[in-house]
Amino acid sequence: DDNVKCHCPETRCGCLEEMKINCRYSE
């Protein structure tokens, strides 16, 4: 961070949206 002149804008804000898929018990 100390060596960077212009930081990239922050795009993440801690959003909680997600979908989890699983195929451990079926095909």
mmCIF file of all heavy atoms, coordinates in Angstrom:
data_MODEL
# 
_entry.id   MODEL 
# 
loop_
_atom_site.group_PDB 
_atom_site.id 
_atom_site.type_symbol 
_atom_site.label_atom_id 
_atom_site.label_alt_id 
_atom_site.label_comp_id 
_atom_site.label_asym_id 
_atom_site.label_entity_id 
_atom_site.label_seq_id 
_atom_site.pdbx_PDB_ins_code 
_atom_site.Cartn_x 
_atom_site.Cartn_y 
_atom_site.Cartn_z 
_atom_site.occupancy 
_atom_site.B_iso_or_equiv 
_atom_site.pdbx_formal_charge 
_atom_site.auth_seq_id 
_atom_site.auth_comp_id 
_atom_site.auth_asym_id 
_atom_site.auth_atom_id 
_atom_site.pdbx_PDB_model_num 
ATOM 1   N N   . ASP A 1 1  ? 0.808   -1.225  0.000   1.00 0.00 ? 1  ASP A N   1 
ATOM 2   C CA  . ASP A 1 1  ? 0.000   0.000   0.000   1.00 0.00 ? 1  ASP A CA  1 
ATOM 3   C C   . ASP A 1 1  ? 0.840   1.273   0.000   1.00 0.00 ? 1  ASP A C   1 
ATOM 4   O O   . ASP A 1 1  ? 0.458   2.275   -0.586  1.00 0.00 ? 1  ASP A O   1 
ATOM 5   C CB  . ASP A 1 1  ? -0.942  0.018   1.212   1.00 0.00 ? 1  ASP A CB  1 
ATOM 6   C CG  . ASP A 1 1  ? -2.209  -0.775  0.948   1.00 0.00 ? 1  ASP A CG  1 
ATOM 7   O OD1 . ASP A 1 1  ? -2.464  -1.108  -0.223  1.00 0.00 ? 1  ASP A OD1 1 
ATOM 8   O OD2 . ASP A 1 1  ? -2.941  -1.057  1.905   1.00 0.00 ? 1  ASP A OD2 1 
ATOM 9   N N   . ASP A 1 2  ? 1.981   1.265   0.661   1.00 0.00 ? 2  ASP A N   1 
ATOM 10  C CA  . ASP A 1 2  ? 2.812   2.469   0.746   1.00 0.00 ? 2  ASP A CA  1 
ATOM 11  C C   . ASP A 1 2  ? 3.408   2.848   -0.605  1.00 0.00 ? 2  ASP A C   1 
ATOM 12  O O   . ASP A 1 2  ? 3.679   4.016   -0.865  1.00 0.00 ? 2  ASP A O   1 
ATOM 13  C CB  . ASP A 1 2  ? 3.930   2.267   1.760   1.00 0.00 ? 2  ASP A CB  1 
ATOM 14  C CG  . ASP A 1 2  ? 3.389   2.013   3.161   1.00 0.00 ? 2  ASP A CG  1 
ATOM 15  O OD1 . ASP A 1 2  ? 2.244   2.456   3.430   1.00 0.00 ? 2  ASP A OD1 1 
ATOM 16  O OD2 . ASP A 1 2  ? 4.081   1.383   3.966   1.00 0.00 ? 2  ASP A OD2 1 
ATOM 17  N N   . ASN A 1 3  ? 3.633   1.856   -1.485  1.00 0.00 ? 3  ASN A N   1 
ATOM 18  C CA  . ASN A 1 3  ? 4.286   2.106   -2.766  1.00 0.00 ? 3  ASN A CA  1 
ATOM 19  C C   . ASN A 1 3  ? 3.308   2.458   -3.893  1.00 0.00 ? 3  ASN A C   1 
ATOM 20  O O   . ASN A 1 3  ? 3.733   2.831   -4.974  1.00 0.00 ? 3  ASN A O   1 
ATOM 21  C CB  . ASN A 1 3  ? 5.090   0.875   -3.193  1.00 0.00 ? 3  ASN A CB  1 
ATOM 22  C CG  . ASN A 1 3  ? 6.159   0.534   -2.177  1.00 0.00 ? 3  ASN A CG  1 
ATOM 23  O OD1 . ASN A 1 3  ? 6.674   1.403   -1.485  1.00 0.00 ? 3  ASN A OD1 1 
ATOM 24  N ND2 . ASN A 1 3  ? 6.474   -0.745  -2.069  1.00 0.00 ? 3  ASN A ND2 1 
ATOM 25  N N   . VAL A 1 4  ? 2.019   2.334   -3.650  1.00 0.00 ? 4  VAL A N   1 
ATOM 26  C CA  . VAL A 1 4  ? 1.021   2.562   -4.692  1.00 0.00 ? 4  VAL A CA  1 
ATOM 27  C C   . VAL A 1 4  ? 0.577   4.018   -4.675  1.00 0.00 ? 4  VAL A C   1 
ATOM 28  O O   . VAL A 1 4  ? 0.202   4.558   -3.639  1.00 0.00 ? 4  VAL A O   1 
ATOM 29  C CB  . VAL A 1 4  ? -0.196  1.639   -4.480  1.00 0.00 ? 4  VAL A CB  1 
ATOM 30  C CG1 . VAL A 1 4  ? -1.261  1.894   -5.525  1.00 0.00 ? 4  VAL A CG1 1 
ATOM 31  C CG2 . VAL A 1 4  ? 0.236   0.183   -4.519  1.00 0.00 ? 4  VAL A CG2 1 
ATOM 32  N N   . LYS A 1 5  ? 0.649   4.668   -5.845  1.00 0.00 ? 5  LYS A N   1 
ATOM 33  C CA  . LYS A 1 5  ? 0.243   6.073   -5.939  1.00 0.00 ? 5  LYS A CA  1 
ATOM 34  C C   . LYS A 1 5  ? -1.266  6.222   -6.024  1.00 0.00 ? 5  LYS A C   1 
ATOM 35  O O   . LYS A 1 5  ? -1.853  7.100   -5.406  1.00 0.00 ? 5  LYS A O   1 
ATOM 36  C CB  . LYS A 1 5  ? 0.881   6.731   -7.169  1.00 0.00 ? 5  LYS A CB  1 
ATOM 37  C CG  . LYS A 1 5  ? 2.363   6.932   -7.038  1.00 0.00 ? 5  LYS A CG  1 
ATOM 38  C CD  . LYS A 1 5  ? 2.908   7.623   -8.265  1.00 0.00 ? 5  LYS A CD  1 
ATOM 39  C CE  . LYS A 1 5  ? 4.411   7.804   -8.138  1.00 0.00 ? 5  LYS A CE  1 
ATOM 40  N NZ  . LYS A 1 5  ? 4.970   8.433   -9.346  1.00 0.00 ? 5  LYS A NZ  1 
ATOM 41  N N   . CYS A 1 6  ? -1.906  5.378   -6.843  1.00 0.00 ? 6  CYS A N   1 
ATOM 42  C CA  . CYS A 1 6  ? -3.347  5.488   -7.052  1.00 0.00 ? 6  CYS A CA  1 
ATOM 43  C C   . CYS A 1 6  ? -3.977  4.107   -6.804  1.00 0.00 ? 6  CYS A C   1 
ATOM 44  O O   . CYS A 1 6  ? -3.769  3.183   -7.587  1.00 0.00 ? 6  CYS A O   1 
ATOM 45  C CB  . CYS A 1 6  ? -3.633  5.956   -8.471  1.00 0.00 ? 6  CYS A CB  1 
ATOM 46  S SG  . CYS A 1 6  ? -5.371  6.211   -8.801  1.00 0.00 ? 6  CYS A SG  1 
ATOM 47  N N   . HIS A 1 7  ? -4.707  3.984   -5.733  1.00 0.00 ? 7  HIS A N   1 
ATOM 48  C CA  . HIS A 1 7  ? -5.329  2.712   -5.380  1.00 0.00 ? 7  HIS A CA  1 
ATOM 49  C C   . HIS A 1 7  ? -6.550  2.437   -6.255  1.00 0.00 ? 7  HIS A C   1 
ATOM 50  O O   . HIS A 1 7  ? -7.249  3.356   -6.670  1.00 0.00 ? 7  HIS A O   1 
ATOM 51  C CB  . HIS A 1 7  ? -5.759  2.718   -3.912  1.00 0.00 ? 7  HIS A CB  1 
ATOM 52  C CG  . HIS A 1 7  ? -4.613  2.763   -2.962  1.00 0.00 ? 7  HIS A CG  1 
ATOM 53  N ND1 . HIS A 1 7  ? -3.863  1.668   -2.665  1.00 0.00 ? 7  HIS A ND1 1 
ATOM 54  C CD2 . HIS A 1 7  ? -4.081  3.789   -2.261  1.00 0.00 ? 7  HIS A CD2 1 
ATOM 55  C CE1 . HIS A 1 7  ? -2.920  1.999   -1.800  1.00 0.00 ? 7  HIS A CE1 1 
ATOM 56  N NE2 . HIS A 1 7  ? -3.031  3.281   -1.541  1.00 0.00 ? 7  HIS A NE2 1 
ATOM 57  N N   . CYS A 1 8  ? -6.805  1.167   -6.512  1.00 0.00 ? 8  CYS A N   1 
ATOM 58  C CA  . CYS A 1 8  ? -8.018  0.775   -7.226  1.00 0.00 ? 8  CYS A CA  1 
ATOM 59  C C   . CYS A 1 8  ? -9.219  1.058   -6.325  1.00 0.00 ? 8  CYS A C   1 
ATOM 60  O O   . CYS A 1 8  ? -9.119  0.932   -5.110  1.00 0.00 ? 8  CYS A O   1 
ATOM 61  C CB  . CYS A 1 8  ? -7.987  -0.708  -7.564  1.00 0.00 ? 8  CYS A CB  1 
ATOM 62  S SG  . CYS A 1 8  ? -6.743  -1.143  -8.778  1.00 0.00 ? 8  CYS A SG  1 
ATOM 63  N N   . PRO A 1 9  ? -10.351 1.410   -6.912  1.00 0.00 ? 9  PRO A N   1 
ATOM 64  C CA  . PRO A 1 9  ? -11.525 1.678   -6.076  1.00 0.00 ? 9  PRO A CA  1 
ATOM 65  C C   . PRO A 1 9  ? -12.011 0.392   -5.396  1.00 0.00 ? 9  PRO A C   1 
ATOM 66  O O   . PRO A 1 9  ? -11.895 -0.703  -5.955  1.00 0.00 ? 9  PRO A O   1 
ATOM 67  C CB  . PRO A 1 9  ? -12.560 2.204   -7.059  1.00 0.00 ? 9  PRO A CB  1 
ATOM 68  C CG  . PRO A 1 9  ? -12.122 1.730   -8.381  1.00 0.00 ? 9  PRO A CG  1 
ATOM 69  C CD  . PRO A 1 9  ? -10.629 1.609   -8.323  1.00 0.00 ? 9  PRO A CD  1 
ATOM 70  N N   . GLU A 1 10 ? -12.544 0.532   -4.209  1.00 0.00 ? 10 GLU A N   1 
ATOM 71  C CA  . GLU A 1 10 ? -13.086 -0.605  -3.472  1.00 0.00 ? 10 GLU A CA  1 
ATOM 72  C C   . GLU A 1 10 ? -14.424 -0.999  -4.082  1.00 0.00 ? 10 GLU A C   1 
ATOM 73  O O   . GLU A 1 10 ? -15.326 -0.168  -4.207  1.00 0.00 ? 10 GLU A O   1 
ATOM 74  C CB  . GLU A 1 10 ? -13.262 -0.237  -2.002  1.00 0.00 ? 10 GLU A CB  1 
ATOM 75  C CG  . GLU A 1 10 ? -13.814 -1.355  -1.148  1.00 0.00 ? 10 GLU A CG  1 
ATOM 76  C CD  . GLU A 1 10 ? -12.910 -2.568  -1.088  1.00 0.00 ? 10 GLU A CD  1 
ATOM 77  O OE1 . GLU A 1 10 ? -11.776 -2.452  -0.629  1.00 0.00 ? 10 GLU A OE1 1 
ATOM 78  O OE2 . GLU A 1 10 ? -13.370 -3.651  -1.525  1.00 0.00 ? 10 GLU A OE2 1 
ATOM 79  N N   . THR A 1 11 ? -14.557 -2.260  -4.487  1.00 0.00 ? 11 THR A N   1 
ATOM 80  C CA  . THR A 1 11 ? -15.792 -2.721  -5.109  1.00 0.00 ? 11 THR A CA  1 
ATOM 81  C C   . THR A 1 11 ? -16.563 -3.664  -4.198  1.00 0.00 ? 11 THR A C   1 
ATOM 82  O O   . THR A 1 11 ? -17.727 -3.927  -4.446  1.00 0.00 ? 11 THR A O   1 
ATOM 83  C CB  . THR A 1 11 ? -15.504 -3.460  -6.428  1.00 0.00 ? 11 THR A CB  1 
ATOM 84  O OG1 . THR A 1 11 ? -14.628 -4.552  -6.168  1.00 0.00 ? 11 THR A OG1 1 
ATOM 85  C CG2 . THR A 1 11 ? -14.869 -2.524  -7.437  1.00 0.00 ? 11 THR A CG2 1 
ATOM 86  N N   . ARG A 1 12 ? -15.926 -4.189  -3.170  1.00 0.00 ? 12 ARG A N   1 
ATOM 87  C CA  . ARG A 1 12 ? -16.605 -5.131  -2.284  1.00 0.00 ? 12 ARG A CA  1 
ATOM 88  C C   . ARG A 1 12 ? -17.067 -4.437  -1.016  1.00 0.00 ? 12 ARG A C   1 
ATOM 89  O O   . ARG A 1 12 ? -16.366 -3.590  -0.475  1.00 0.00 ? 12 ARG A O   1 
ATOM 90  C CB  . ARG A 1 12 ? -15.674 -6.295  -1.957  1.00 0.00 ? 12 ARG A CB  1 
ATOM 91  C CG  . ARG A 1 12 ? -15.296 -7.076  -3.210  1.00 0.00 ? 12 ARG A CG  1 
ATOM 92  C CD  . ARG A 1 12 ? -14.553 -8.317  -2.901  1.00 0.00 ? 12 ARG A CD  1 
ATOM 93  N NE  . ARG A 1 12 ? -13.195 -8.008  -2.478  1.00 0.00 ? 12 ARG A NE  1 
ATOM 94  C CZ  . ARG A 1 12 ? -12.377 -8.894  -1.941  1.00 0.00 ? 12 ARG A CZ  1 
ATOM 95  N NH1 . ARG A 1 12 ? -12.775 -10.131 -1.755  1.00 0.00 ? 12 ARG A NH1 1 
ATOM 96  N NH2 . ARG A 1 12 ? -11.170 -8.549  -1.584  1.00 0.00 ? 12 ARG A NH2 1 
ATOM 97  N N   . CYS A 1 13 ? -18.248 -4.826  -0.556  1.00 0.00 ? 13 CYS A N   1 
ATOM 98  C CA  . CYS A 1 13 ? -18.826 -4.146  0.606   1.00 0.00 ? 13 CYS A CA  1 
ATOM 99  C C   . CYS A 1 13 ? -19.421 -5.118  1.619   1.00 0.00 ? 13 CYS A C   1 
ATOM 100 O O   . CYS A 1 13 ? -20.269 -4.737  2.408   1.00 0.00 ? 13 CYS A O   1 
ATOM 101 C CB  . CYS A 1 13 ? -19.869 -3.140  0.155   1.00 0.00 ? 13 CYS A CB  1 
ATOM 102 S SG  . CYS A 1 13 ? -21.215 -3.869  -0.782  1.00 0.00 ? 13 CYS A SG  1 
ATOM 103 N N   . GLY A 1 14 ? -19.017 -6.382  1.575   1.00 0.00 ? 14 GLY A N   1 
ATOM 104 C CA  . GLY A 1 14 ? -19.508 -7.341  2.562   1.00 0.00 ? 14 GLY A CA  1 
ATOM 105 C C   . GLY A 1 14 ? -20.906 -7.861  2.284   1.00 0.00 ? 14 GLY A C   1 
ATOM 106 O O   . GLY A 1 14 ? -21.653 -8.169  3.212   1.00 0.00 ? 14 GLY A O   1 
ATOM 107 N N   . CYS A 1 15 ? -21.274 -7.994  1.030   1.00 0.00 ? 15 CYS A N   1 
ATOM 108 C CA  . CYS A 1 15 ? -22.596 -8.497  0.657   1.00 0.00 ? 15 CYS A CA  1 
ATOM 109 C C   . CYS A 1 15 ? -22.755 -9.954  1.113   1.00 0.00 ? 15 CYS A C   1 
ATOM 110 O O   . CYS A 1 15 ? -21.790 -10.721 1.107   1.00 0.00 ? 15 CYS A O   1 
ATOM 111 C CB  . CYS A 1 15 ? -22.787 -8.388  -0.850  1.00 0.00 ? 15 CYS A CB  1 
ATOM 112 S SG  . CYS A 1 15 ? -24.436 -8.846  -1.384  1.00 0.00 ? 15 CYS A SG  1 
ATOM 113 N N   . LEU A 1 16 ? -23.950 -10.339 1.488   1.00 0.00 ? 16 LEU A N   1 
ATOM 114 C CA  . LEU A 1 16 ? -24.197 -11.670 2.038   1.00 0.00 ? 16 LEU A CA  1 
ATOM 115 C C   . LEU A 1 16 ? -24.834 -12.640 1.040   1.00 0.00 ? 16 LEU A C   1 
ATOM 116 O O   . LEU A 1 16 ? -25.013 -13.819 1.355   1.00 0.00 ? 16 LEU A O   1 
ATOM 117 C CB  . LEU A 1 16 ? -25.100 -11.553 3.266   1.00 0.00 ? 16 LEU A CB  1 
ATOM 118 C CG  . LEU A 1 16 ? -24.575 -10.643 4.373   1.00 0.00 ? 16 LEU A CG  1 
ATOM 119 C CD1 . LEU A 1 16 ? -25.626 -10.462 5.446   1.00 0.00 ? 16 LEU A CD1 1 
ATOM 120 C CD2 . LEU A 1 16 ? -23.294 -11.191 4.949   1.00 0.00 ? 16 LEU A CD2 1 
ATOM 121 N N   . GLU A 1 17 ? -25.197 -12.176 -0.160  1.00 0.00 ? 17 GLU A N   1 
ATOM 122 C CA  . GLU A 1 17 ? -25.871 -13.001 -1.165  1.00 0.00 ? 17 GLU A CA  1 
ATOM 123 C C   . GLU A 1 17 ? -24.987 -14.175 -1.578  1.00 0.00 ? 17 GLU A C   1 
ATOM 124 O O   . GLU A 1 17 ? -23.826 -14.001 -1.949  1.00 0.00 ? 17 GLU A O   1 
ATOM 125 C CB  . GLU A 1 17 ? -26.192 -12.146 -2.389  1.00 0.00 ? 17 GLU A CB  1 
ATOM 126 C CG  . GLU A 1 17 ? -26.657 -12.907 -3.595  1.00 0.00 ? 17 GLU A CG  1 
ATOM 127 C CD  . GLU A 1 17 ? -28.121 -13.249 -3.563  1.00 0.00 ? 17 GLU A CD  1 
ATOM 128 O OE1 . GLU A 1 17 ? -28.911 -12.445 -3.058  1.00 0.00 ? 17 GLU A OE1 1 
ATOM 129 O OE2 . GLU A 1 17 ? -28.466 -14.319 -4.059  1.00 0.00 ? 17 GLU A OE2 1 
ATOM 130 N N   . GLU A 1 18 ? -25.523 -15.412 -1.531  1.00 0.00 ? 18 GLU A N   1 
ATOM 131 C CA  . GLU A 1 18 ? -24.777 -16.584 -1.997  1.00 0.00 ? 18 GLU A CA  1 
ATOM 132 C C   . GLU A 1 18 ? -25.711 -17.748 -2.276  1.00 0.00 ? 18 GLU A C   1 
ATOM 133 O O   . GLU A 1 18 ? -26.839 -17.796 -1.790  1.00 0.00 ? 18 GLU A O   1 
ATOM 134 C CB  . GLU A 1 18 ? -23.711 -17.003 -0.986  1.00 0.00 ? 18 GLU A CB  1 
ATOM 135 C CG  . GLU A 1 18 ? -24.228 -17.647 0.266   1.00 0.00 ? 18 GLU A CG  1 
ATOM 136 C CD  . GLU A 1 18 ? -23.122 -18.148 1.184   1.00 0.00 ? 18 GLU A CD  1 
ATOM 137 O OE1 . GLU A 1 18 ? -21.945 -17.883 0.927   1.00 0.00 ? 18 GLU A OE1 1 
ATOM 138 O OE2 . GLU A 1 18 ? -23.474 -18.807 2.158   1.00 0.00 ? 18 GLU A OE2 1 
ATOM 139 N N   . MET A 1 19 ? -25.202 -18.678 -3.092  1.00 0.00 ? 19 MET A N   1 
ATOM 140 C CA  . MET A 1 19 ? -25.890 -19.927 -3.369  1.00 0.00 ? 19 MET A CA  1 
ATOM 141 C C   . MET A 1 19 ? -24.860 -21.047 -3.294  1.00 0.00 ? 19 MET A C   1 
ATOM 142 O O   . MET A 1 19 ? -23.803 -20.962 -3.920  1.00 0.00 ? 19 MET A O   1 
ATOM 143 C CB  . MET A 1 19 ? -26.521 -19.914 -4.763  1.00 0.00 ? 19 MET A CB  1 
ATOM 144 C CG  . MET A 1 19 ? -27.220 -21.227 -5.107  1.00 0.00 ? 19 MET A CG  1 
ATOM 145 S SD  . MET A 1 19 ? -27.910 -21.287 -6.765  1.00 0.00 ? 19 MET A SD  1 
ATOM 146 C CE  . MET A 1 19 ? -26.496 -21.817 -7.719  1.00 0.00 ? 19 MET A CE  1 
ATOM 147 N N   . LYS A 1 20 ? -25.152 -22.086 -2.528  1.00 0.00 ? 20 LYS A N   1 
ATOM 148 C CA  . LYS A 1 20 ? -24.234 -23.218 -2.393  1.00 0.00 ? 20 LYS A CA  1 
ATOM 149 C C   . LYS A 1 20 ? -24.870 -24.454 -3.002  1.00 0.00 ? 20 LYS A C   1 
ATOM 150 O O   . LYS A 1 20 ? -26.033 -24.752 -2.744  1.00 0.00 ? 20 LYS A O   1 
ATOM 151 C CB  . LYS A 1 20 ? -23.911 -23.484 -0.922  1.00 0.00 ? 20 LYS A CB  1 
ATOM 152 C CG  . LYS A 1 20 ? -22.926 -24.612 -0.726  1.00 0.00 ? 20 LYS A CG  1 
ATOM 153 C CD  . LYS A 1 20 ? -22.539 -24.784 0.725   1.00 0.00 ? 20 LYS A CD  1 
ATOM 154 C CE  . LYS A 1 20 ? -21.488 -25.877 0.850   1.00 0.00 ? 20 LYS A CE  1 
ATOM 155 N NZ  . LYS A 1 20 ? -21.044 -26.028 2.234   1.00 0.00 ? 20 LYS A NZ  1 
ATOM 156 N N   . ILE A 1 21 ? -24.077 -25.156 -3.844  1.00 0.00 ? 21 ILE A N   1 
ATOM 157 C CA  . ILE A 1 21 ? -24.543 -26.404 -4.438  1.00 0.00 ? 21 ILE A CA  1 
ATOM 158 C C   . ILE A 1 21 ? -23.682 -27.542 -3.914  1.00 0.00 ? 21 ILE A C   1 
ATOM 159 O O   . ILE A 1 21 ? -22.536 -27.337 -3.508  1.00 0.00 ? 21 ILE A O   1 
ATOM 160 C CB  . ILE A 1 21 ? -24.494 -26.362 -5.985  1.00 0.00 ? 21 ILE A CB  1 
ATOM 161 C CG1 . ILE A 1 21 ? -23.082 -26.068 -6.480  1.00 0.00 ? 21 ILE A CG1 1 
ATOM 162 C CG2 . ILE A 1 21 ? -25.498 -25.366 -6.522  1.00 0.00 ? 21 ILE A CG2 1 
ATOM 163 C CD1 . ILE A 1 21 ? -22.918 -26.212 -7.984  1.00 0.00 ? 21 ILE A CD1 1 
ATOM 164 N N   . ASN A 1 22 ? -24.245 -28.758 -3.939  1.00 0.00 ? 22 ASN A N   1 
ATOM 165 C CA  . ASN A 1 22 ? -23.562 -29.910 -3.372  1.00 0.00 ? 22 ASN A CA  1 
ATOM 166 C C   . ASN A 1 22 ? -23.971 -31.151 -4.147  1.00 0.00 ? 22 ASN A C   1 
ATOM 167 O O   . ASN A 1 22 ? -25.134 -31.297 -4.514  1.00 0.00 ? 22 ASN A O   1 
ATOM 168 C CB  . ASN A 1 22 ? -23.989 -30.036 -1.902  1.00 0.00 ? 22 ASN A CB  1 
ATOM 169 C CG  . ASN A 1 22 ? -23.164 -31.028 -1.135  1.00 0.00 ? 22 ASN A CG  1 
ATOM 170 O OD1 . ASN A 1 22 ? -22.654 -31.986 -1.687  1.00 0.00 ? 22 ASN A OD1 1 
ATOM 171 N ND2 . ASN A 1 22 ? -23.054 -30.791 0.154   1.00 0.00 ? 22 ASN A ND2 1 
ATOM 172 N N   . CYS A 1 23 ? -23.019 -32.060 -4.391  1.00 0.00 ? 23 CYS A N   1 
ATOM 173 C CA  . CYS A 1 23 ? -23.355 -33.336 -5.033  1.00 0.00 ? 23 CYS A CA  1 
ATOM 174 C C   . CYS A 1 23 ? -22.714 -34.500 -4.282  1.00 0.00 ? 23 CYS A C   1 
ATOM 175 O O   . CYS A 1 23 ? -22.395 -35.523 -4.862  1.00 0.00 ? 23 CYS A O   1 
ATOM 176 C CB  . CYS A 1 23 ? -22.961 -33.350 -6.506  1.00 0.00 ? 23 CYS A CB  1 
ATOM 177 S SG  . CYS A 1 23 ? -21.217 -33.574 -6.803  1.00 0.00 ? 23 CYS A SG  1 
ATOM 178 N N   . ARG A 1 24 ? -22.535 -34.361 -2.986  1.00 0.00 ? 24 ARG A N   1 
ATOM 179 C CA  . ARG A 1 24 ? -21.904 -35.419 -2.190  1.00 0.00 ? 24 ARG A CA  1 
ATOM 180 C C   . ARG A 1 24 ? -22.807 -36.634 -2.030  1.00 0.00 ? 24 ARG A C   1 
ATOM 181 O O   . ARG A 1 24 ? -22.333 -37.758 -1.884  1.00 0.00 ? 24 ARG A O   1 
ATOM 182 C CB  . ARG A 1 24 ? -21.509 -34.898 -0.820  1.00 0.00 ? 24 ARG A CB  1 
ATOM 183 C CG  . ARG A 1 24 ? -20.390 -33.894 -0.867  1.00 0.00 ? 24 ARG A CG  1 
ATOM 184 C CD  . ARG A 1 24 ? -20.055 -33.397 0.529   1.00 0.00 ? 24 ARG A CD  1 
ATOM 185 N NE  . ARG A 1 24 ? -19.136 -32.288 0.488   1.00 0.00 ? 24 ARG A NE  1 
ATOM 186 C CZ  . ARG A 1 24 ? -17.825 -32.401 0.646   1.00 0.00 ? 24 ARG A CZ  1 
ATOM 187 N NH1 . ARG A 1 24 ? -17.282 -33.572 0.851   1.00 0.00 ? 24 ARG A NH1 1 
ATOM 188 N NH2 . ARG A 1 24 ? -17.056 -31.339 0.598   1.00 0.00 ? 24 ARG A NH2 1 
ATOM 189 N N   . TYR A 1 25 ? -24.122 -36.438 -2.027  1.00 0.00 ? 25 TYR A N   1 
ATOM 190 C CA  . TYR A 1 25 ? -25.049 -37.521 -1.720  1.00 0.00 ? 25 TYR A CA  1 
ATOM 191 C C   . TYR A 1 25 ? -25.873 -37.979 -2.920  1.00 0.00 ? 25 TYR A C   1 
ATOM 192 O O   . TYR A 1 25 ? -26.676 -38.885 -2.794  1.00 0.00 ? 25 TYR A O   1 
ATOM 193 C CB  . TYR A 1 25 ? -25.973 -37.086 -0.585  1.00 0.00 ? 25 TYR A CB  1 
ATOM 194 C CG  . TYR A 1 25 ? -25.198 -36.564 0.603   1.00 0.00 ? 25 TYR A CG  1 
ATOM 195 C CD1 . TYR A 1 25 ? -25.227 -35.220 0.941   1.00 0.00 ? 25 TYR A CD1 1 
ATOM 196 C CD2 . TYR A 1 25 ? -24.397 -37.417 1.355   1.00 0.00 ? 25 TYR A CD2 1 
ATOM 197 C CE1 . TYR A 1 25 ? -24.502 -34.741 2.014   1.00 0.00 ? 25 TYR A CE1 1 
ATOM 198 C CE2 . TYR A 1 25 ? -23.663 -36.939 2.424   1.00 0.00 ? 25 TYR A CE2 1 
ATOM 199 C CZ  . TYR A 1 25 ? -23.725 -35.604 2.753   1.00 0.00 ? 25 TYR A CZ  1 
ATOM 200 O OH  . TYR A 1 25 ? -22.994 -35.122 3.802   1.00 0.00 ? 25 TYR A OH  1 
ATOM 201 N N   . SER A 1 26 ? -25.692 -37.344 -4.059  1.00 0.00 ? 26 SER A N   1 
ATOM 202 C CA  . SER A 1 26 ? -26.405 -37.764 -5.265  1.00 0.00 ? 26 SER A CA  1 
ATOM 203 C C   . SER A 1 26 ? -25.528 -37.471 -6.475  1.00 0.00 ? 26 SER A C   1 
ATOM 204 O O   . SER A 1 26 ? -24.467 -36.880 -6.361  1.00 0.00 ? 26 SER A O   1 
ATOM 205 C CB  . SER A 1 26 ? -27.751 -37.038 -5.381  1.00 0.00 ? 26 SER A CB  1 
ATOM 206 O OG  . SER A 1 26 ? -27.539 -35.671 -5.631  1.00 0.00 ? 26 SER A OG  1 
ATOM 207 N N   . GLU A 1 27 ? -25.986 -37.853 -7.636  1.00 0.00 ? 27 GLU A N   1 
ATOM 208 C CA  . GLU A 1 27 ? -25.239 -37.633 -8.865  1.00 0.00 ? 27 GLU A CA  1 
ATOM 209 C C   . GLU A 1 27 ? -25.385 -36.212 -9.389  1.00 0.00 ? 27 GLU A C   1 
ATOM 210 O O   . GLU A 1 27 ? -24.541 -35.718 -10.104 1.00 0.00 ? 27 GLU A O   1 
ATOM 211 C CB  . GLU A 1 27 ? -25.703 -38.623 -9.948  1.00 0.00 ? 27 GLU A CB  1 
ATOM 212 C CG  . GLU A 1 27 ? -25.395 -40.067 -9.622  1.00 0.00 ? 27 GLU A CG  1 
ATOM 213 C CD  . GLU A 1 27 ? -23.900 -40.309 -9.471  1.00 0.00 ? 27 GLU A CD  1 
ATOM 214 O OE1 . GLU A 1 27 ? -23.122 -39.830 -10.318 1.00 0.00 ? 27 GLU A OE1 1 
ATOM 215 O OE2 . GLU A 1 27 ? -23.526 -40.973 -8.486  1.00 0.00 ? 27 GLU A OE2 1 
# 
